[in-house]
């Protein structure tokens, strides 16, 4: 029995191929005419691409026909873990399930290996009027903290 390529498997293939070919997420997004964050989320398995978009990505990253087909599949989004049933909290969980891996990739590409602090952190919530319904603007503003290995025997404690 032949193993079928999953969106999760393909996401790892794409991450490696992007680095191998020296392409930024922004360049790939520009090539398919999509937003950078949306593109990363899509290539990590959270959105389907059109046949044309999938073909362009496959050409850029030297992917095969099976990958082109998998890129076009409608995904099962999120992680499937139990979450709070409050609609507002659930929607934040949903947004981070879909876009969290893309945000992580973009932070690493822009800053290097590290995290956004939730301790040294600011957040704002704003309302922006929109003819199609007011928009909620949530801004997370956290200090970047790089992962740093310190040899205990050579470095004094802070």
Protein backbone atom coordinates (compact mmCIF):
# COMPACT_ATOMS: atom_id res chain seq x y z
CA UNK A 1 0.00 0.00 0.00
CA UNK A 2 1.38 3.40 -0.98
CA UNK A 3 1.43 6.08 1.70
CA UNK A 4 -0.47 9.23 0.74
CA UNK A 5 1.15 12.63 1.24
CA UNK A 6 -0.71 14.59 3.94
CA UNK A 7 -0.91 18.35 4.37
CA UNK A 8 1.21 17.96 7.54
CA UNK A 9 3.88 16.00 5.67
CA UNK A 10 3.83 18.51 2.82
CA UNK A 11 4.20 21.45 5.23
CA UNK A 12 7.55 20.04 6.37
CA UNK A 13 8.64 19.40 2.76
CA UNK A 14 7.76 23.01 1.91
CA UNK A 15 9.63 24.45 4.91
CA UNK A 16 12.78 22.58 3.87
CA UNK A 17 12.40 23.37 0.17
CA UNK A 18 11.92 27.09 0.91
CA UNK A 19 15.22 27.18 2.79
CA UNK A 20 16.98 25.00 0.18
CA UNK A 21 15.93 27.40 -2.60
CA UNK A 22 16.69 30.53 -0.56
CA UNK A 23 13.16 31.88 -0.87
CA UNK A 24 11.44 34.10 1.67
CA UNK A 25 7.80 33.62 2.55
CA UNK A 26 7.22 37.12 1.16
CA UNK A 27 8.68 36.12 -2.23
CA UNK A 28 6.46 33.05 -2.42
CA UNK A 29 3.41 35.15 -1.45
CA UNK A 30 4.29 37.74 -4.10
CA UNK A 31 4.64 34.97 -6.69
CA UNK A 32 1.05 33.81 -6.13
CA UNK A 33 -0.37 37.29 -5.49
CA UNK A 34 -1.48 36.60 -1.92
CA UNK A 35 -0.92 38.13 1.52
CA UNK A 36 2.24 36.91 3.23
CA UNK A 37 0.59 35.63 6.44
CA UNK A 38 -2.20 33.91 4.47
CA UNK A 39 0.39 32.29 2.20
CA UNK A 40 2.44 30.90 5.07
CA UNK A 41 -0.71 29.55 6.75
CA UNK A 42 -1.78 27.97 3.43
CA UNK A 43 1.60 26.36 2.80
CA UNK A 44 1.60 25.00 6.34
CA UNK A 45 -1.71 23.31 5.58
CA UNK A 46 -4.38 25.75 6.78
CA UNK A 47 -5.86 26.96 3.43
CA UNK A 48 -6.35 25.45 -0.02
CA UNK A 49 -4.56 26.96 -3.00
CA UNK A 50 -6.04 27.27 -6.47
CA UNK A 51 -4.63 25.01 -9.18
CA UNK A 52 -2.67 27.94 -10.60
CA UNK A 53 -1.27 28.96 -7.20
CA UNK A 54 -0.34 25.36 -6.40
CA UNK A 55 1.46 25.00 -9.74
CA UNK A 56 3.44 28.21 -9.16
CA UNK A 57 4.48 27.07 -5.68
CA UNK A 58 5.43 23.64 -7.04
CA UNK A 59 7.61 25.22 -9.71
CA UNK A 60 9.32 27.54 -7.20
CA UNK A 61 10.01 24.72 -4.73
CA UNK A 62 10.44 21.83 -7.20
CA UNK A 63 7.46 19.88 -5.84
CA UNK A 64 5.80 16.96 -7.63
CA UNK A 65 2.24 16.49 -8.96
CA UNK A 66 1.04 14.86 -5.73
CA UNK A 67 2.12 17.98 -3.80
CA UNK A 68 0.21 20.17 -6.28
CA UNK A 69 -2.92 18.12 -5.59
CA UNK A 70 -2.45 18.21 -1.80
CA UNK A 71 -1.99 22.00 -1.86
CA UNK A 72 -5.48 22.26 -3.38
CA UNK A 73 -7.24 20.15 -0.73
CA UNK A 74 -9.54 21.87 1.75
CA UNK A 75 -7.86 21.33 5.13
CA UNK A 76 -9.08 20.24 8.52
CA UNK A 77 -8.11 23.40 10.35
CA UNK A 78 -6.74 23.73 13.85
CA UNK A 79 -5.38 21.15 16.20
CA UNK A 80 -8.54 19.41 17.42
CA UNK A 81 -7.68 20.03 21.09
CA UNK A 82 -10.44 20.85 23.59
CA UNK A 83 -10.93 24.60 23.94
CA UNK A 84 -13.06 26.97 25.97
CA UNK A 85 -16.63 27.19 24.72
CA UNK A 86 -16.87 30.96 25.18
CA UNK A 87 -17.25 32.27 21.60
CA UNK A 88 -14.70 35.08 21.93
CA UNK A 89 -12.03 32.90 23.51
CA UNK A 90 -12.80 30.11 21.06
CA UNK A 91 -12.27 32.49 18.09
CA UNK A 92 -8.85 33.50 19.42
CA UNK A 93 -8.00 29.82 19.73
CA UNK A 94 -9.26 29.25 16.20
CA UNK A 95 -7.22 32.17 14.82
CA UNK A 96 -4.05 30.95 16.53
CA UNK A 97 -4.67 27.35 15.42
CA UNK A 98 -4.88 28.53 11.82
CA UNK A 99 -2.32 31.36 11.82
CA UNK A 100 -0.06 30.48 14.79
CA UNK A 101 2.37 28.32 12.77
CA UNK A 102 2.57 31.08 10.12
CA UNK A 103 3.26 33.71 12.79
CA UNK A 104 5.97 31.48 14.26
CA UNK A 105 7.65 31.01 10.85
CA UNK A 106 7.57 34.75 10.17
CA UNK A 107 9.00 35.62 13.62
CA UNK A 108 11.86 33.16 13.05
CA UNK A 109 12.50 34.49 9.55
CA UNK A 110 12.55 38.11 10.73
CA UNK A 111 14.22 37.80 14.17
CA UNK A 112 15.89 34.38 14.35
CA UNK A 113 15.35 31.52 16.79
CA UNK A 114 13.31 32.83 19.71
CA UNK A 115 9.89 33.80 20.99
CA UNK A 116 7.63 36.76 21.57
CA UNK A 117 7.41 37.42 25.29
CA UNK A 118 4.02 37.36 26.94
CA UNK A 119 5.60 38.80 30.10
CA UNK A 120 7.26 41.88 28.56
CA UNK A 121 4.07 42.47 26.60
CA UNK A 122 1.52 45.06 25.54
CA UNK A 123 -1.83 44.50 23.94
CA UNK A 124 -4.46 46.77 22.50
CA UNK A 125 -8.00 46.19 21.30
CA UNK A 126 -9.50 48.77 18.99
CA UNK A 127 -12.65 49.21 16.98
CA UNK A 128 -12.52 50.33 13.37
CA UNK A 129 -15.75 51.24 11.59
CA UNK A 130 -16.33 49.34 8.35
CA UNK A 131 -19.32 49.54 6.00
CA UNK A 132 -19.57 45.73 6.05
CA UNK A 133 -19.48 45.57 9.87
CA UNK A 134 -17.13 47.06 12.44
CA UNK A 135 -13.71 45.44 12.70
CA UNK A 136 -11.91 44.29 15.87
CA UNK A 137 -8.22 45.20 15.83
CA UNK A 138 -6.14 43.24 18.36
CA UNK A 139 -2.45 44.06 18.59
CA UNK A 140 0.02 41.85 20.45
CA UNK A 141 3.25 43.70 21.18
CA UNK A 142 5.79 41.45 22.89
CA UNK A 143 9.53 41.74 23.30
CA UNK A 144 11.54 39.29 21.19
CA UNK A 145 13.53 36.86 23.33
CA UNK A 146 16.15 34.79 21.55
CA UNK A 147 16.98 31.27 22.57
CA UNK A 148 20.50 31.40 23.92
CA UNK A 149 22.54 28.48 25.20
CA UNK A 150 24.91 29.35 27.99
CA UNK A 151 27.46 26.88 29.27
CA UNK A 152 27.06 26.76 33.06
CA UNK A 153 30.72 26.07 33.60
CA UNK A 154 31.86 29.09 31.57
CA UNK A 155 29.19 31.73 32.17
CA UNK A 156 28.49 33.34 35.55
CA UNK A 157 24.86 33.44 36.65
CA UNK A 158 23.04 36.72 35.90
